[in-house]
Amino acid sequence: MGLRERVRGWFGGSGPEPLDPGRTDLVVVVRGFDEVQACSAALAGSPDWVAGAPALLRHHLVLPHGNGAQAAATAAQDGYAPDGRPSAEGADLVLVRVQVLDALHCSQERSRMAGLAQRLGGHVLGWDALQPGAGPAPDGR
Protein backbone atom coordinates (compact mmCIF):
# COMPACT_ATOMS: atom_id res chain seq x y z
CA MET A 1 0.00 0.00 0.00
CA GLY A 2 1.40 3.37 -1.01
CA LEU A 3 1.62 6.49 1.09
CA ARG A 4 -1.32 8.11 -0.70
CA GLU A 5 -3.62 5.19 0.13
CA ARG A 6 -2.48 5.12 3.78
CA VAL A 7 -3.04 8.85 4.23
CA ARG A 8 -6.45 8.65 2.58
CA GLY A 9 -7.31 5.76 4.91
CA TRP A 10 -6.37 7.83 7.95
CA PHE A 11 -8.69 10.62 6.83
CA GLY A 12 -11.70 8.55 5.88
CA GLY A 13 -10.87 7.76 2.25
CA SER A 14 -12.54 4.70 0.81
CA GLY A 15 -10.02 2.60 -1.03
CA PRO A 16 -7.99 3.24 -4.15
CA GLU A 17 -8.66 6.09 -6.54
CA PRO A 18 -11.22 5.35 -9.24
CA LEU A 19 -9.80 4.21 -12.57
CA ASP A 20 -10.88 6.13 -15.65
CA PRO A 21 -11.56 3.51 -18.37
CA GLY A 22 -10.69 6.11 -21.01
CA ARG A 23 -7.11 6.54 -19.85
CA THR A 24 -4.59 6.16 -22.64
CA ASP A 25 -1.90 4.56 -20.48
CA LEU A 26 -3.83 1.35 -19.74
CA VAL A 27 -2.05 -1.84 -20.74
CA VAL A 28 -3.06 -5.50 -20.55
CA VAL A 29 -1.60 -6.92 -17.35
CA VAL A 30 -3.29 -10.34 -17.28
CA ARG A 31 -5.16 -12.52 -19.79
CA GLY A 32 -7.47 -15.50 -19.47
CA PHE A 33 -8.15 -16.97 -22.91
CA ASP A 34 -7.61 -20.62 -21.95
CA GLU A 35 -10.98 -21.92 -20.76
CA VAL A 36 -9.37 -24.55 -18.51
CA GLN A 37 -7.07 -22.10 -16.73
CA ALA A 38 -8.46 -20.78 -13.46
CA CYS A 39 -8.55 -17.04 -12.88
CA SER A 40 -6.38 -17.56 -9.82
CA ALA A 41 -3.69 -19.18 -11.97
CA ALA A 42 -3.83 -16.40 -14.57
CA LEU A 43 -3.56 -13.72 -11.89
CA ALA A 44 -0.79 -15.52 -10.01
CA GLY A 45 1.17 -15.97 -13.24
CA SER A 46 1.11 -12.27 -14.13
CA PRO A 47 4.10 -10.23 -13.01
CA ASP A 48 2.38 -7.01 -14.16
CA TRP A 49 -0.96 -7.26 -12.33
CA VAL A 50 -1.18 -5.06 -9.22
CA ALA A 51 -3.38 -6.78 -6.65
CA GLY A 52 -5.70 -4.44 -4.78
CA ALA A 53 -5.57 -1.78 -7.48
CA PRO A 54 -8.52 -1.07 -9.77
CA ALA A 55 -8.43 -2.72 -13.18
CA LEU A 56 -10.46 -2.47 -16.35
CA LEU A 57 -11.85 -6.00 -16.69
CA ARG A 58 -12.76 -6.88 -20.29
CA HIS A 59 -14.77 -9.88 -21.53
CA HIS A 60 -14.50 -10.77 -25.24
CA LEU A 61 -17.75 -12.29 -26.57
CA VAL A 62 -18.73 -13.82 -29.89
CA LEU A 63 -22.46 -13.51 -30.52
CA PRO A 64 -24.83 -14.22 -33.40
CA HIS A 65 -25.61 -11.15 -35.49
CA GLY A 66 -27.99 -8.78 -33.76
CA ASN A 67 -27.50 -10.02 -30.20
CA GLY A 68 -24.80 -7.54 -29.21
CA ALA A 69 -27.24 -4.82 -28.17
CA GLN A 70 -29.20 -7.24 -25.99
CA ALA A 71 -25.99 -8.52 -24.38
CA ALA A 72 -24.80 -4.96 -23.72
CA ALA A 73 -28.15 -3.97 -22.20
CA THR A 74 -28.20 -7.02 -19.93
CA ALA A 75 -24.58 -6.51 -18.84
CA ALA A 76 -25.23 -2.82 -18.17
CA GLN A 77 -27.40 -3.89 -15.24
CA ASP A 78 -24.16 -5.06 -13.60
CA GLY A 79 -22.15 -1.98 -14.51
CA TYR A 80 -20.65 -3.17 -17.79
CA ALA A 81 -20.38 -1.09 -20.94
CA PRO A 82 -19.23 -1.88 -24.48
CA ASP A 83 -15.54 -1.09 -24.96
CA GLY A 84 -14.61 1.35 -27.69
CA ARG A 85 -11.26 -0.36 -28.29
CA PRO A 86 -11.15 -2.94 -31.08
CA SER A 87 -10.77 -6.55 -29.98
CA ALA A 88 -7.50 -8.13 -31.05
CA GLU A 89 -9.15 -11.49 -30.39
CA GLY A 90 -11.89 -11.17 -33.02
CA ALA A 91 -14.76 -10.69 -30.59
CA ASP A 92 -18.05 -9.19 -31.74
CA LEU A 93 -18.51 -7.43 -28.40
CA VAL A 94 -16.11 -6.49 -25.62
CA LEU A 95 -17.75 -5.61 -22.33
CA VAL A 96 -15.80 -3.66 -19.70
CA ARG A 97 -16.14 -2.72 -16.06
CA VAL A 98 -13.73 -1.13 -13.60
CA GLN A 99 -13.23 -3.13 -10.43
CA VAL A 100 -10.58 -4.29 -8.02
CA LEU A 101 -9.71 -7.66 -9.44
CA ASP A 102 -9.16 -10.79 -7.39
CA ALA A 103 -9.51 -14.48 -8.21
CA LEU A 104 -12.96 -14.93 -6.68
CA HIS A 105 -14.58 -11.95 -8.39
CA CYS A 106 -12.83 -12.67 -11.66
CA SER A 107 -14.23 -16.21 -11.61
CA GLN A 108 -17.72 -14.94 -10.79
CA GLU A 109 -17.65 -12.44 -13.64
CA ARG A 110 -16.24 -15.01 -16.03
CA SER A 111 -19.17 -17.32 -15.21
CA ARG A 112 -21.66 -14.45 -15.50
CA MET A 113 -20.38 -13.61 -19.01
CA ALA A 114 -20.37 -17.25 -20.08
CA GLY A 115 -24.02 -17.56 -19.04
CA LEU A 116 -24.97 -14.34 -20.81
CA ALA A 117 -23.26 -15.36 -24.04
CA GLN A 118 -24.75 -18.85 -23.92
CA ARG A 119 -28.30 -17.53 -23.42
CA LEU A 120 -27.84 -15.44 -26.57
CA GLY A 121 -26.41 -18.29 -28.66
CA GLY A 122 -22.77 -17.22 -28.43
CA HIS A 123 -19.66 -17.88 -26.40
CA VAL A 124 -16.87 -16.07 -24.58
CA LEU A 125 -13.40 -16.07 -26.09
CA GLY A 126 -11.80 -14.97 -22.83
CA TRP A 127 -11.05 -12.04 -20.57
CA ASP A 128 -8.24 -9.67 -19.86
CA ALA A 129 -7.56 -6.84 -17.45
CA LEU A 130 -5.86 -3.51 -17.98
CA GLN A 131 -4.11 -1.31 -15.46
CA PRO A 132 -1.99 1.80 -15.87
CA GLY A 133 1.37 1.07 -17.49
CA ALA A 134 4.80 2.12 -16.31
CA GLY A 135 4.76 5.30 -18.39
CA PRO A 136 4.16 8.83 -17.08
CA ALA A 137 1.23 9.48 -14.79
CA PRO A 138 -1.93 10.87 -16.42
CA ASP A 139 -1.27 14.26 -14.78
CA GLY A 140 2.10 14.44 -16.57
CA ARG A 141 4.33 13.83 -13.54
C-alpha atoms as a PDB file:
ATOM      1  CA  MET A   1       0.000   0.000   0.000  1.00  0.00           C
ATOM      2  CA  GLY A   2       1.397   3.368  -1.014  1.00  0.00           C
ATOM      3  CA  LEU A   3       1.621   6.487   1.088  1.00  0.00           C
ATOM      4  CA  ARG A   4      -1.322   8.108  -0.702  1.00  0.00           C
ATOM      5  CA  GLU A   5      -3.625   5.188   0.133  1.00  0.00           C
ATOM      6  CA  ARG A   6      -2.484   5.120   3.783  1.00  0.00           C
ATOM      7  CA  VAL A   7      -3.035   8.849   4.226  1.00  0.00           C
ATOM      8  CA  ARG A   8      -6.445   8.651   2.579  1.00  0.00           C
ATOM      9  CA  GLY A   9      -7.313   5.761   4.907  1.00  0.00           C
ATOM     10  CA  TRP A  10      -6.367   7.832   7.949  1.00  0.00           C
ATOM     11  CA  PHE A  11      -8.688  10.620   6.834  1.00  0.00           C
ATOM     12  CA  GLY A  12     -11.699   8.553   5.880  1.00  0.00           C
ATOM     13  CA  GLY A  13     -10.873   7.762   2.252  1.00  0.00           C
ATOM     14  CA  SER A  14     -12.541   4.698   0.811  1.00  0.00           C
ATOM     15  CA  GLY A  15     -10.015   2.596  -1.030  1.00  0.00           C
ATOM     16  CA  PRO A  16      -7.987   3.236  -4.152  1.00  0.00           C
ATOM     17  CA  GLU A  17      -8.658   6.091  -6.535  1.00  0.00           C
ATOM     18  CA  PRO A  18     -11.221   5.347  -9.245  1.00  0.00           C
ATOM     19  CA  LEU A  19      -9.796   4.211 -12.566  1.00  0.00           C
ATOM     20  CA  ASP A  20     -10.880   6.126 -15.653  1.00  0.00           C
ATOM     21  CA  PRO A  21     -11.559   3.513 -18.367  1.00  0.00           C
ATOM     22  CA  GLY A  22     -10.689   6.105 -21.012  1.00  0.00           C
ATOM     23  CA  ARG A  23      -7.108   6.543 -19.846  1.00  0.00           C
ATOM     24  CA  THR A  24      -4.590   6.160 -22.641  1.00  0.00           C
ATOM     25  CA  ASP A  25      -1.897   4.562 -20.480  1.00  0.00           C
ATOM     26  CA  LEU A  26      -3.834   1.351 -19.738  1.00  0.00           C
ATOM     27  CA  VAL A  27      -2.054  -1.840 -20.736  1.00  0.00           C
ATOM     28  CA  VAL A  28      -3.064  -5.503 -20.552  1.00  0.00           C
ATOM     29  CA  VAL A  29      -1.599  -6.925 -17.351  1.00  0.00           C
ATOM     30  CA  VAL A  30      -3.287 -10.338 -17.280  1.00  0.00           C
ATOM     31  CA  ARG A  31      -5.157 -12.520 -19.791  1.00  0.00           C
ATOM     32  CA  GLY A  32      -7.465 -15.501 -19.474  1.00  0.00           C
ATOM     33  CA  PHE A  33      -8.154 -16.975 -22.912  1.00  0.00           C
ATOM     34  CA  ASP A  34      -7.610 -20.625 -21.947  1.00  0.00           C
ATOM     35  CA  GLU A  35     -10.978 -21.918 -20.760  1.00  0.00           C
ATOM     36  CA  VAL A  36      -9.373 -24.555 -18.514  1.00  0.00           C
ATOM     37  CA  GLN A  37      -7.066 -22.103 -16.728  1.00  0.00           C
ATOM     38  CA  ALA A  38      -8.456 -20.784 -13.464  1.00  0.00           C
ATOM     39  CA  CYS A  39      -8.551 -17.042 -12.880  1.00  0.00           C
ATOM     40  CA  SER A  40      -6.382 -17.563  -9.816  1.00  0.00           C
ATOM     41  CA  ALA A  41      -3.691 -19.183 -11.967  1.00  0.00           C
ATOM     42  CA  ALA A  42      -3.830 -16.403 -14.568  1.00  0.00           C
ATOM     43  CA  LEU A  43      -3.558 -13.723 -11.893  1.00  0.00           C
ATOM     44  CA  ALA A  44      -0.788 -15.522 -10.005  1.00  0.00           C
ATOM     45  CA  GLY A  45       1.169 -15.965 -13.237  1.00  0.00           C
ATOM     46  CA  SER A  46       1.105 -12.272 -14.131  1.00  0.00           C
ATOM     47  CA  PRO A  47       4.103 -10.235 -13.015  1.00  0.00           C
ATOM     48  CA  ASP A  48       2.384  -7.008 -14.162  1.00  0.00           C
ATOM     49  CA  TRP A  49      -0.961  -7.258 -12.331  1.00  0.00           C
ATOM     50  CA  VAL A  50      -1.177  -5.064  -9.218  1.00  0.00           C
ATOM     51  CA  ALA A  51      -3.384  -6.782  -6.646  1.00  0.00           C
ATOM     52  CA  GLY A  52      -5.703  -4.438  -4.776  1.00  0.00           C
ATOM     53  CA  ALA A  53      -5.571  -1.778  -7.484  1.00  0.00           C
ATOM     54  CA  PRO A  54      -8.525  -1.074  -9.773  1.00  0.00           C
ATOM     55  CA  ALA A  55      -8.427  -2.723 -13.178  1.00  0.00           C
ATOM     56  CA  LEU A  56     -10.462  -2.475 -16.346  1.00  0.00           C
ATOM     57  CA  LEU A  57     -11.854  -6.005 -16.692  1.00  0.00           C
ATOM     58  CA  ARG A  58     -12.764  -6.880 -20.293  1.00  0.00           C
ATOM     59  CA  HIS A  59     -14.768  -9.875 -21.528  1.00  0.00           C
ATOM     60  CA  HIS A  60     -14.499 -10.768 -25.240  1.00  0.00           C
ATOM     61  CA  LEU A  61     -17.748 -12.285 -26.573  1.00  0.00           C
ATOM     62  CA  VAL A  62     -18.728 -13.818 -29.895  1.00  0.00           C
ATOM     63  CA  LEU A  63     -22.461 -13.507 -30.524  1.00  0.00           C
ATOM     64  CA  PRO A  64     -24.831 -14.217 -33.404  1.00  0.00           C
ATOM     65  CA  HIS A  65     -25.609 -11.153 -35.495  1.00  0.00           C
ATOM     66  CA  GLY A  66     -27.990  -8.776 -33.763  1.00  0.00           C
ATOM     67  CA  ASN A  67     -27.496 -10.025 -30.203  1.00  0.00           C
ATOM     68  CA  GLY A  68     -24.796  -7.538 -29.208  1.00  0.00           C
ATOM     69  CA  ALA A  69     -27.241  -4.823 -28.167  1.00  0.00           C
ATOM     70  CA  GLN A  70     -29.201  -7.240 -25.991  1.00  0.00           C
ATOM     71  CA  ALA A  71     -25.987  -8.518 -24.382  1.00  0.00           C
ATOM     72  CA  ALA A  72     -24.796  -4.958 -23.718  1.00  0.00           C
ATOM     73  CA  ALA A  73     -28.148  -3.974 -22.197  1.00  0.00           C
ATOM     74  CA  THR A  74     -28.199  -7.015 -19.934  1.00  0.00           C
ATOM     75  CA  ALA A  75     -24.585  -6.515 -18.839  1.00  0.00           C
ATOM     76  CA  ALA A  76     -25.233  -2.820 -18.175  1.00  0.00           C
ATOM     77  CA  GLN A  77     -27.405  -3.887 -15.240  1.00  0.00           C
ATOM     78  CA  ASP A  78     -24.160  -5.060 -13.601  1.00  0.00           C
ATOM     79  CA  GLY A  79     -22.154  -1.976 -14.505  1.00  0.00           C
ATOM     80  CA  TYR A  80     -20.646  -3.175 -17.788  1.00  0.00           C
ATOM     81  CA  ALA A  81     -20.383  -1.086 -20.943  1.00  0.00           C
ATOM     82  CA  PRO A  82     -19.230  -1.877 -24.481  1.00  0.00           C
ATOM     83  CA  ASP A  83     -15.541  -1.094 -24.959  1.00  0.00           C
ATOM     84  CA  GLY A  84     -14.612   1.346 -27.689  1.00  0.00           C
ATOM     85  CA  ARG A  85     -11.263  -0.356 -28.289  1.00  0.00           C
ATOM     86  CA  PRO A  86     -11.149  -2.945 -31.083  1.00  0.00           C
ATOM     87  CA  SER A  87     -10.773  -6.555 -29.984  1.00  0.00           C
ATOM     88  CA  ALA A  88      -7.496  -8.126 -31.045  1.00  0.00           C
ATOM     89  CA  GLU A  89      -9.150 -11.487 -30.390  1.00  0.00           C
ATOM     90  CA  GLY A  90     -11.885 -11.173 -33.022  1.00  0.00           C
ATOM     91  CA  ALA A  91     -14.758 -10.694 -30.590  1.00  0.00           C
ATOM     92  CA  ASP A  92     -18.050  -9.192 -31.740  1.00  0.00           C
ATOM     93  CA  LEU A  93     -18.511  -7.432 -28.404  1.00  0.00           C
ATOM     94  CA  VAL A  94     -16.111  -6.493 -25.624  1.00  0.00           C
ATOM     95  CA  LEU A  95     -17.751  -5.607 -22.327  1.00  0.00           C
ATOM     96  CA  VAL A  96     -15.800  -3.661 -19.695  1.00  0.00           C
ATOM     97  CA  ARG A  97     -16.135  -2.719 -16.059  1.00  0.00           C
ATOM     98  CA  VAL A  98     -13.731  -1.125 -13.597  1.00  0.00           C
ATOM     99  CA  GLN A  99     -13.230  -3.128 -10.429  1.00  0.00           C
ATOM    100  CA  VAL A 100     -10.583  -4.288  -8.020  1.00  0.00           C
ATOM    101  CA  LEU A 101      -9.706  -7.665  -9.445  1.00  0.00           C
ATOM    102  CA  ASP A 102      -9.160 -10.795  -7.395  1.00  0.00           C
ATOM    103  CA  ALA A 103      -9.508 -14.485  -8.211  1.00  0.00           C
ATOM    104  CA  LEU A 104     -12.960 -14.932  -6.681  1.00  0.00           C
ATOM    105  CA  HIS A 105     -14.579 -11.950  -8.390  1.00  0.00           C
ATOM    106  CA  CYS A 106     -12.825 -12.670 -11.661  1.00  0.00           C
ATOM    107  CA  SER A 107     -14.234 -16.209 -11.610  1.00  0.00           C
ATOM    108  CA  GLN A 108     -17.716 -14.945 -10.793  1.00  0.00           C
ATOM    109  CA  GLU A 109     -17.653 -12.436 -13.643  1.00  0.00           C
ATOM    110  CA  ARG A 110     -16.239 -15.013 -16.027  1.00  0.00           C
ATOM    111  CA  SER A 111     -19.174 -17.315 -15.211  1.00  0.00           C
ATOM    112  CA  ARG A 112     -21.657 -14.451 -15.504  1.00  0.00           C
ATOM    113  CA  MET A 113     -20.382 -13.608 -19.007  1.00  0.00           C
ATOM    114  CA  ALA A 114     -20.366 -17.251 -20.083  1.00  0.00           C
ATOM    115  CA  GLY A 115     -24.018 -17.559 -19.037  1.00  0.00           C
ATOM    116  CA  LEU A 116     -24.972 -14.339 -20.806  1.00  0.00           C
ATOM    117  CA  ALA A 117     -23.260 -15.361 -24.036  1.00  0.00           C
ATOM    118  CA  GLN A 118     -24.751 -18.854 -23.925  1.00  0.00           C
ATOM    119  CA  ARG A 119     -28.298 -17.526 -23.422  1.00  0.00           C
ATOM    120  CA  LEU A 120     -27.836 -15.440 -26.574  1.00  0.00           C
ATOM    121  CA  GLY A 121     -26.407 -18.286 -28.662  1.00  0.00           C
ATOM    122  CA  GLY A 122     -22.771 -17.217 -28.434  1.00  0.00           C
ATOM    123  CA  HIS A 123     -19.659 -17.883 -26.397  1.00  0.00           C
ATOM    124  CA  VAL A 124     -16.867 -16.075 -24.580  1.00  0.00           C
ATOM    125  CA  LEU A 125     -13.395 -16.073 -26.090  1.00  0.00           C
ATOM    126  CA  GLY A 126     -11.798 -14.972 -22.832  1.00  0.00           C
ATOM    127  CA  TRP A 127     -11.052 -12.036 -20.569  1.00  0.00           C
ATOM    128  CA  ASP A 128      -8.239  -9.670 -19.855  1.00  0.00           C
ATOM    129  CA  ALA A 129      -7.559  -6.840 -17.447  1.00  0.00           C
ATOM    130  CA  LEU A 130      -5.860  -3.507 -17.979  1.00  0.00           C
ATOM    131  CA  GLN A 131      -4.109  -1.307 -15.456  1.00  0.00           C
ATOM    132  CA  PRO A 132      -1.987   1.798 -15.872  1.00  0.00           C
ATOM    133  CA  GLY A 133       1.369   1.071 -17.492  1.00  0.00           C
ATOM    134  CA  ALA A 134       4.797   2.117 -16.306  1.00  0.00           C
ATOM    135  CA  GLY A 135       4.761   5.305 -18.393  1.00  0.00           C
ATOM    136  CA  PRO A 136       4.160   8.830 -17.085  1.00  0.00           C
ATOM    137  CA  ALA A 137       1.232   9.476 -14.786  1.00  0.00           C
ATOM    138  CA  PRO A 138      -1.927  10.874 -16.415  1.00  0.00           C
ATOM    139  CA  ASP A 139      -1.266  14.257 -14.777  1.00  0.00           C
ATOM    140  CA  GLY A 140       2.099  14.440 -16.569  1.00  0.00           C
ATOM    141  CA  ARG A 141       4.332  13.830 -13.537  1.00  0.00           C
END
